[in-house]
Amino acid sequence: MKQNINKYNNELKVINTQEKAYLLGFLYGDGTITTYVEKTGRIRYLTKLSISIVDKDIIIQFKEHFPFFNIGEFDYSKYSKNSEKQISIAKSSKQLYQDLILNGLYPRKSYENANKLRIPDIERTLIPHFIRGFFDADGCITTCPKWNFRITLSNTNKEIIDWFKLKFKGNVNDQFYQKNPKHSPAWKWIISCRGGVLKFLEMTYPYLKIKEIGIFILLL
C-alpha cells in the first residue's frame, strides 16, 4: 500500500538527525505553533514557518526532507510598502503540535510563554545543527568599520541566550544585554570581532573547512 507522504507520521517526535535538529532550531527562531477554533467549534492545531521569498531555497529544502508540510506564498507588499513576499511551510496536525511541545517549543513563544522556552534534550552531536537552524532564522552577520564583523542573536527568552553564552564561553569575545528594556523584553548576544565570528562559524558549521569559512566572511 502506497504511503501518504502528506500525512504527518511522528517524524519530529524524536529529533535524531541533522535535518530534524536544523528544522527544530529554525522553528525555535522563526516558527509558530498555535491553536484556533473553527466556526464549527472544532479545534485546529497549526505549525507554520514563514520567511522571505528571497530565501525560498530553505523552504524547498524543508519540503524535500519533510514532505508532510504544505508550501504557500503570500505577497504582503500589496498591503505595506515595508513588507515583502513570503514563502512558508505549514501543517495542520495535533500530533505535530504535541511533538514540538515535547521538544521544547511553545505557542506564543515570544510573548507570555517566552520564559518557558528551553533548549531541547537532543544528542550532543546534533546541537551544532540546532544552533545552525536557530542562527539562520534569528541571527545575522553584519560588517562593521575597519573590516570587522559582527554576529547577533536575539530572543525574548534570557535562558536561551544564556545557553548560547555558556556554550561558547572562552571561545569568543562577546557582549550580552537587554535591548530597549522599557519597550521590549528581547535579549541580544553579540560577537563583535573577526576572530570570534570565525570561531562561532567553525563550531556551528563543523562541516565547513576554515578556508571555506574565511572565504565566506570575505564575501560579506
C-alpha atoms as a PDB file:
ATOM      1  CA  MET A   1       0.000   0.000   0.000  1.00  0.00           C
ATOM      2  CA  LYS A   2       1.399   3.372  -1.027  1.00  0.00           C
ATOM      3  CA  GLN A   3       2.244   5.644   1.906  1.00  0.00           C
ATOM      4  CA  ASN A   4       0.589   9.060   2.042  1.00  0.00           C
ATOM      5  CA  ILE A   5       3.582  11.432   2.095  1.00  0.00           C
ATOM      6  CA  ASN A   6       1.322  14.346   3.041  1.00  0.00           C
ATOM      7  CA  LYS A   7       0.410  12.733   6.354  1.00  0.00           C
ATOM      8  CA  TYR A   8       2.434  13.503   9.471  1.00  0.00           C
ATOM      9  CA  ASN A   9       3.721  10.217  10.910  1.00  0.00           C
ATOM     10  CA  ASN A  10       5.506  11.408  14.056  1.00  0.00           C
ATOM     11  CA  GLU A  11       8.682  12.290  12.146  1.00  0.00           C
ATOM     12  CA  LEU A  12       9.537  15.001  14.702  1.00  0.00           C
ATOM     13  CA  LYS A  13       8.638  13.058  17.830  1.00  0.00           C
ATOM     14  CA  VAL A  14      12.319  12.160  18.222  1.00  0.00           C
ATOM     15  CA  ILE A  15      14.984  14.592  16.988  1.00  0.00           C
ATOM     16  CA  ASN A  16      17.642  12.165  15.813  1.00  0.00           C
ATOM     17  CA  THR A  17      19.005  13.530  12.514  1.00  0.00           C
ATOM     18  CA  GLN A  18      20.839  16.658  11.401  1.00  0.00           C
ATOM     19  CA  GLU A  19      17.860  17.724   9.276  1.00  0.00           C
ATOM     20  CA  LYS A  20      15.429  17.411  12.192  1.00  0.00           C
ATOM     21  CA  ALA A  21      17.743  19.321  14.542  1.00  0.00           C
ATOM     22  CA  TYR A  22      18.181  22.098  11.960  1.00  0.00           C
ATOM     23  CA  LEU A  23      14.414  22.381  11.422  1.00  0.00           C
ATOM     24  CA  LEU A  24      13.777  22.440  15.172  1.00  0.00           C
ATOM     25  CA  GLY A  25      16.301  25.264  15.588  1.00  0.00           C
ATOM     26  CA  PHE A  26      14.660  27.206  12.770  1.00  0.00           C
ATOM     27  CA  LEU A  27      11.237  26.742  14.360  1.00  0.00           C
ATOM     28  CA  TYR A  28      12.627  27.944  17.704  1.00  0.00           C
ATOM     29  CA  GLY A  29      13.839  31.101  15.994  1.00  0.00           C
ATOM     30  CA  ASP A  30      11.140  31.915  13.462  1.00  0.00           C
ATOM     31  CA  GLY A  31       8.340  29.365  13.615  1.00  0.00           C
ATOM     32  CA  THR A  32       4.935  29.331  15.266  1.00  0.00           C
ATOM     33  CA  ILE A  33       2.687  26.663  16.708  1.00  0.00           C
ATOM     34  CA  THR A  34      -0.843  27.692  17.527  1.00  0.00           C
ATOM     35  CA  THR A  35      -4.423  26.550  18.035  1.00  0.00           C
ATOM     36  CA  TYR A  36      -7.624  28.118  16.777  1.00  0.00           C
ATOM     37  CA  VAL A  37     -11.312  27.269  16.838  1.00  0.00           C
ATOM     38  CA  GLU A  38     -13.292  26.891  13.625  1.00  0.00           C
ATOM     39  CA  LYS A  39     -16.877  28.113  13.273  1.00  0.00           C
ATOM     40  CA  THR A  40     -17.999  24.535  13.794  1.00  0.00           C
ATOM     41  CA  GLY A  41     -16.286  24.535  17.190  1.00  0.00           C
ATOM     42  CA  ARG A  42     -13.531  22.185  16.060  1.00  0.00           C
ATOM     43  CA  ILE A  43     -10.073  22.963  17.463  1.00  0.00           C
ATOM     44  CA  ARG A  44      -7.291  23.136  14.879  1.00  0.00           C
ATOM     45  CA  TYR A  45      -3.557  22.796  15.574  1.00  0.00           C
ATOM     46  CA  LEU A  46      -1.214  24.632  13.203  1.00  0.00           C
ATOM     47  CA  THR A  47       2.558  24.631  12.761  1.00  0.00           C
ATOM     48  CA  LYS A  48       3.912  27.302  10.411  1.00  0.00           C
ATOM     49  CA  LEU A  49       7.227  28.799   9.336  1.00  0.00           C
ATOM     50  CA  SER A  50       7.325  31.856   7.045  1.00  0.00           C
ATOM     51  CA  ILE A  51      10.396  33.562   5.593  1.00  0.00           C
ATOM     52  CA  SER A  52      11.224  35.983   2.790  1.00  0.00           C
ATOM     53  CA  ILE A  53      10.759  34.634  -0.731  1.00  0.00           C
ATOM     54  CA  VAL A  54      14.427  35.544  -1.262  1.00  0.00           C
ATOM     55  CA  ASP A  55      15.327  32.562   0.937  1.00  0.00           C
ATOM     56  CA  LYS A  56      12.887  30.151  -0.687  1.00  0.00           C
ATOM     57  CA  ASP A  57      15.618  27.510  -1.116  1.00  0.00           C
ATOM     58  CA  ILE A  58      15.449  26.890   2.644  1.00  0.00           C
ATOM     59  CA  ILE A  59      11.700  26.219   2.467  1.00  0.00           C
ATOM     60  CA  ILE A  60      12.135  23.954  -0.550  1.00  0.00           C
ATOM     61  CA  GLN A  61      14.803  22.019   1.348  1.00  0.00           C
ATOM     62  CA  PHE A  62      12.468  21.590   4.323  1.00  0.00           C
ATOM     63  CA  LYS A  63       9.735  20.339   1.991  1.00  0.00           C
ATOM     64  CA  GLU A  64      12.117  17.788   0.465  1.00  0.00           C
ATOM     65  CA  HIS A  65      13.117  16.404   3.861  1.00  0.00           C
ATOM     66  CA  PHE A  66       9.651  16.688   5.431  1.00  0.00           C
ATOM     67  CA  PRO A  67       7.082  16.223   2.629  1.00  0.00           C
ATOM     68  CA  PHE A  68       4.127  16.309   5.028  1.00  0.00           C
ATOM     69  CA  PHE A  69       4.439  20.116   5.090  1.00  0.00           C
ATOM     70  CA  ASN A  70       2.448  22.243   2.644  1.00  0.00           C
ATOM     71  CA  ILE A  71       4.121  25.176   0.860  1.00  0.00           C
ATOM     72  CA  GLY A  72       2.375  28.520   0.484  1.00  0.00           C
ATOM     73  CA  GLU A  73       3.172  32.059  -0.669  1.00  0.00           C
ATOM     74  CA  PHE A  74       1.702  35.422   0.281  1.00  0.00           C
ATOM     75  CA  ASP A  75       2.587  38.879  -1.015  1.00  0.00           C
ATOM     76  CA  TYR A  76       2.457  41.244   1.971  1.00  0.00           C
ATOM     77  CA  SER A  77       3.889  44.077  -0.144  1.00  0.00           C
ATOM     78  CA  LYS A  78       0.393  44.574  -1.584  1.00  0.00           C
ATOM     79  CA  TYR A  79      -0.659  45.909   1.799  1.00  0.00           C
ATOM     80  CA  SER A  80       2.504  47.640   3.013  1.00  0.00           C
ATOM     81  CA  LYS A  81       5.482  49.053   1.136  1.00  0.00           C
ATOM     82  CA  ASN A  82       7.708  47.983   4.031  1.00  0.00           C
ATOM     83  CA  SER A  83       6.684  44.326   3.686  1.00  0.00           C
ATOM     84  CA  GLU A  84       7.645  41.698   1.144  1.00  0.00           C
ATOM     85  CA  LYS A  85       6.531  38.439  -0.374  1.00  0.00           C
ATOM     86  CA  GLN A  86       6.749  35.472   1.986  1.00  0.00           C
ATOM     87  CA  ILE A  87       7.014  31.734   1.442  1.00  0.00           C
ATOM     88  CA  SER A  88       6.013  29.257   4.106  1.00  0.00           C
ATOM     89  CA  ILE A  89       5.662  25.662   5.171  1.00  0.00           C
ATOM     90  CA  ALA A  90       2.648  24.765   7.272  1.00  0.00           C
ATOM     91  CA  LYS A  91       0.858  21.727   8.652  1.00  0.00           C
ATOM     92  CA  SER A  92      -2.425  21.341  10.474  1.00  0.00           C
ATOM     93  CA  SER A  93      -1.765  18.432  12.834  1.00  0.00           C
ATOM     94  CA  LYS A  94      -2.461  17.943  16.525  1.00  0.00           C
ATOM     95  CA  GLN A  95       0.237  15.279  16.777  1.00  0.00           C
ATOM     96  CA  LEU A  96       2.908  17.523  15.222  1.00  0.00           C
ATOM     97  CA  TYR A  97       1.878  20.325  17.577  1.00  0.00           C
ATOM     98  CA  GLN A  98       2.222  17.996  20.579  1.00  0.00           C
ATOM     99  CA  ASP A  99       5.551  16.550  19.399  1.00  0.00           C
ATOM    100  CA  LEU A 100       7.048  20.026  19.028  1.00  0.00           C
ATOM    101  CA  ILE A 101       5.893  20.978  22.519  1.00  0.00           C
ATOM    102  CA  LEU A 102       7.590  17.821  23.839  1.00  0.00           C
ATOM    103  CA  ASN A 103      10.756  19.042  22.099  1.00  0.00           C
ATOM    104  CA  GLY A 104      10.677  22.433  23.799  1.00  0.00           C
ATOM    105  CA  LEU A 105       8.522  24.703  21.627  1.00  0.00           C
ATOM    106  CA  TYR A 106       5.562  26.678  22.931  1.00  0.00           C
ATOM    107  CA  PRO A 107       2.733  28.624  21.308  1.00  0.00           C
ATOM    108  CA  ARG A 108       3.210  32.396  21.583  1.00  0.00           C
ATOM    109  CA  LYS A 109       6.861  31.772  22.448  1.00  0.00           C
ATOM    110  CA  SER A 110       7.745  35.444  22.007  1.00  0.00           C
ATOM    111  CA  TYR A 111       5.094  36.664  24.418  1.00  0.00           C
ATOM    112  CA  GLU A 112       3.528  35.155  27.551  1.00  0.00           C
ATOM    113  CA  ASN A 113       5.320  31.822  27.078  1.00  0.00           C
ATOM    114  CA  ALA A 114       8.746  33.338  26.358  1.00  0.00           C
ATOM    115  CA  ASN A 115      10.200  32.232  29.698  1.00  0.00           C
ATOM    116  CA  LYS A 116       9.088  28.632  29.177  1.00  0.00           C
ATOM    117  CA  LEU A 117      11.249  28.040  26.113  1.00  0.00           C
ATOM    118  CA  ARG A 118      14.080  25.584  26.770  1.00  0.00           C
ATOM    119  CA  ILE A 119      16.977  24.113  24.823  1.00  0.00           C
ATOM    120  CA  PRO A 120      15.813  20.714  23.515  1.00  0.00           C
ATOM    121  CA  ASP A 121      17.107  17.488  25.004  1.00  0.00           C
ATOM    122  CA  ILE A 122      18.876  16.120  21.932  1.00  0.00           C
ATOM    123  CA  GLU A 123      22.174  14.345  21.345  1.00  0.00           C
ATOM    124  CA  ARG A 124      25.281  16.479  21.752  1.00  0.00           C
ATOM    125  CA  THR A 125      26.349  15.803  18.153  1.00  0.00           C
ATOM    126  CA  LEU A 126      23.107  17.356  16.903  1.00  0.00           C
ATOM    127  CA  ILE A 127      23.410  20.582  18.906  1.00  0.00           C
ATOM    128  CA  PRO A 128      25.500  22.391  16.212  1.00  0.00           C
ATOM    129  CA  HIS A 129      22.729  21.715  13.703  1.00  0.00           C
ATOM    130  CA  PHE A 130      20.089  23.029  16.101  1.00  0.00           C
ATOM    131  CA  ILE A 131      22.219  26.173  16.520  1.00  0.00           C
ATOM    132  CA  ARG A 132      22.565  26.482  12.730  1.00  0.00           C
ATOM    133  CA  GLY A 133      18.796  26.476  12.371  1.00  0.00           C
ATOM    134  CA  PHE A 134      18.307  28.971  15.183  1.00  0.00           C
ATOM    135  CA  PHE A 135      21.007  31.260  13.791  1.00  0.00           C
ATOM    136  CA  ASP A 136      19.723  31.067  10.198  1.00  0.00           C
ATOM    137  CA  ALA A 137      16.260  32.013  11.492  1.00  0.00           C
ATOM    138  CA  ASP A 138      17.024  34.585  14.167  1.00  0.00           C
ATOM    139  CA  GLY A 139      20.638  35.667  13.750  1.00  0.00           C
ATOM    140  CA  CYS A 140      22.598  37.889  11.415  1.00  0.00           C
ATOM    141  CA  ILE A 141      26.145  38.683  10.323  1.00  0.00           C
ATOM    142  CA  THR A 142      26.965  42.329   9.623  1.00  0.00           C
ATOM    143  CA  THR A 143      30.075  44.250   8.644  1.00  0.00           C
ATOM    144  CA  CYS A 144      31.462  46.928  10.941  1.00  0.00           C
ATOM    145  CA  PRO A 145      34.047  49.700  10.467  1.00  0.00           C
ATOM    146  CA  LYS A 146      37.650  48.690   9.746  1.00  0.00           C
ATOM    147  CA  TRP A 147      36.612  45.338   8.221  1.00  0.00           C
ATOM    148  CA  ASN A 148      35.347  43.880  11.463  1.00  0.00           C
ATOM    149  CA  PHE A 149      32.360  41.568  11.531  1.00  0.00           C
ATOM    150  CA  ARG A 150      29.533  41.063  13.976  1.00  0.00           C
ATOM    151  CA  ILE A 151      27.233  38.146  14.762  1.00  0.00           C
ATOM    152  CA  THR A 152      23.983  38.935  16.565  1.00  0.00           C
ATOM    153  CA  LEU A 153      21.394  36.624  18.094  1.00  0.00           C
ATOM    154  CA  SER A 154      18.199  37.913  19.714  1.00  0.00           C
ATOM    155  CA  ASN A 155      15.488  36.168  21.690  1.00  0.00           C
ATOM    156  CA  THR A 156      12.835  37.072  24.231  1.00  0.00           C
ATOM    157  CA  ASN A 157      13.974  34.194  26.445  1.00  0.00           C
ATOM    158  CA  LYS A 158      17.011  35.124  28.551  1.00  0.00           C
ATOM    159  CA  GLU A 159      17.729  31.465  29.335  1.00  0.00           C
ATOM    160  CA  ILE A 160      18.148  30.665  25.636  1.00  0.00           C
ATOM    161  CA  ILE A 161      20.659  33.487  25.190  1.00  0.00           C
ATOM    162  CA  ASP A 162      22.420  32.485  28.432  1.00  0.00           C
ATOM    163  CA  TRP A 163      22.778  28.991  26.987  1.00  0.00           C
ATOM    164  CA  PHE A 164      24.492  30.360  23.871  1.00  0.00           C
ATOM    165  CA  LYS A 165      26.854  32.396  26.026  1.00  0.00           C
ATOM    166  CA  LEU A 166      27.734  29.323  28.092  1.00  0.00           C
ATOM    167  CA  LYS A 167      28.110  27.124  25.010  1.00  0.00           C
ATOM    168  CA  PHE A 168      30.734  29.439  23.512  1.00  0.00           C
ATOM    169  CA  LYS A 169      32.289  30.643  26.774  1.00  0.00           C
ATOM    170  CA  GLY A 170      36.045  31.077  26.481  1.00  0.00           C
ATOM    171  CA  ASN A 171      35.989  30.757  22.689  1.00  0.00           C
ATOM    172  CA  VAL A 172      34.651  34.143  21.598  1.00  0.00           C
ATOM    173  CA  ASN A 173      34.669  37.736  22.811  1.00  0.00           C
ATOM    174  CA  ASP A 174      31.037  38.673  23.255  1.00  0.00           C
ATOM    175  CA  GLN A 175      28.535  41.146  24.686  1.00  0.00           C
ATOM    176  CA  PHE A 176      25.160  40.463  26.260  1.00  0.00           C
ATOM    177  CA  TYR A 177      22.402  42.922  27.085  1.00  0.00           C
ATOM    178  CA  GLN A 178      18.666  43.551  27.039  1.00  0.00           C
ATOM    179  CA  LYS A 179      17.690  45.776  24.137  1.00  0.00           C
ATOM    180  CA  ASN A 180      15.130  48.514  24.787  1.00  0.00           C
ATOM    181  CA  PRO A 181      14.272  47.143  28.262  1.00  0.00           C
ATOM    182  CA  LYS A 182      11.411  49.625  28.685  1.00  0.00           C
ATOM    183  CA  HIS A 183       9.708  48.635  25.447  1.00  0.00           C
ATOM    184  CA  SER A 184      10.911  45.126  24.568  1.00  0.00           C
ATOM    185  CA  PRO A 185      11.769  42.020  26.590  1.00  0.00           C
ATOM    186  CA  ALA A 186      14.232  40.755  23.985  1.00  0.00           C
ATOM    187  CA  TRP A 187      17.827  39.910  24.868  1.00  0.00           C
ATOM    188  CA  LYS A 188      20.715  40.298  22.464  1.00  0.00           C
ATOM    189  CA  TRP A 189      24.025  38.406  22.256  1.00  0.00           C
ATOM    190  CA  ILE A 190      26.772  39.906  20.088  1.00  0.00           C
ATOM    191  CA  ILE A 191      30.123  38.583  18.882  1.00  0.00           C
ATOM    192  CA  SER A 192      31.894  41.628  17.530  1.00  0.00           C
ATOM    193  CA  CYS A 193      35.397  40.592  16.460  1.00  0.00           C
ATOM    194  CA  ARG A 194      36.501  38.826  13.300  1.00  0.00           C
ATOM    195  CA  GLY A 195      38.223  36.019  15.211  1.00  0.00           C
ATOM    196  CA  GLY A 196      35.117  35.433  17.313  1.00  0.00           C
ATOM    197  CA  VAL A 197      32.920  35.292  14.223  1.00  0.00           C
ATOM    198  CA  LEU A 198      35.240  32.737  12.629  1.00  0.00           C
ATOM    199  CA  LYS A 199      35.268  30.667  15.823  1.00  0.00           C
ATOM    200  CA  PHE A 200      31.465  30.751  16.042  1.00  0.00           C
ATOM    201  CA  LEU A 201      31.121  29.582  12.444  1.00  0.00           C
ATOM    202  CA  GLU A 202      33.784  26.914  12.943  1.00  0.00           C
ATOM    203  CA  MET A 203      31.948  25.489  15.965  1.00  0.00           C
ATOM    204  CA  THR A 204      28.466  25.869  14.497  1.00  0.00           C
ATOM    205  CA  TYR A 205      29.100  24.698  10.960  1.00  0.00           C
ATOM    206  CA  PRO A 206      31.539  21.824  11.634  1.00  0.00           C
ATOM    207  CA  TYR A 207      31.363  20.502   8.092  1.00  0.00           C
ATOM    208  CA  LEU A 208      32.930  23.709   6.754  1.00  0.00           C
ATOM    209  CA  LYS A 209      36.682  23.971   6.492  1.00  0.00           C
ATOM    210  CA  ILE A 210      38.419  27.024   7.957  1.00  0.00           C
ATOM    211  CA  LYS A 211      39.451  28.172   4.498  1.00  0.00           C
ATOM    212  CA  GLU A 212      35.852  27.995   3.274  1.00  0.00           C
ATOM    213  CA  ILE A 213      34.666  29.939   6.323  1.00  0.00           C
ATOM    214  CA  GLY A 214      37.294  32.600   5.626  1.00  0.00           C
ATOM    215  CA  ILE A 215      36.133  32.928   2.031  1.00  0.00           C
ATOM    216  CA  PHE A 216      32.535  33.172   3.232  1.00  0.00           C
ATOM    217  CA  ILE A 217      33.450  36.029   5.582  1.00  0.00           C
ATOM    218  CA  LEU A 218      35.388  37.890   2.879  1.00  0.00           C
ATOM    219  CA  LEU A 219      32.386  37.710   0.558  1.00  0.00           C
ATOM    220  CA  LEU A 220      30.092  39.517   3.004  1.00  0.00           C
END
